[in-house]
Amino acid sequence: PAVVLVDDAEDLADCDASPVLARLLREGGTRARALLLAGEEDELCDRYSGWLAEARTAHRGLLLSPRSA
């Protein structure tokens, strides 16, 4: 099993690794792999194309939104 952690994922929306990240989203569960994303809620949720949109529409995950004190 493997987990790939992507911090500031919104900064990598259109990067060279996009096809690999998209494939990991589609095939990860069947190959004991997972993709864990961290980033700005507004920017991650506003994507309508690309691998970040696929992650959003997968309907699997947890959104934590801590507020500043």
Foldseek 3Di string as FASTA:
>chain_A
DEEAEEEQVLVCQPPPCQVVLQVCLVCVVVVVYYYHYHHDPVSLVPDDDTSSNSVVVVPDDDDDDDDDD
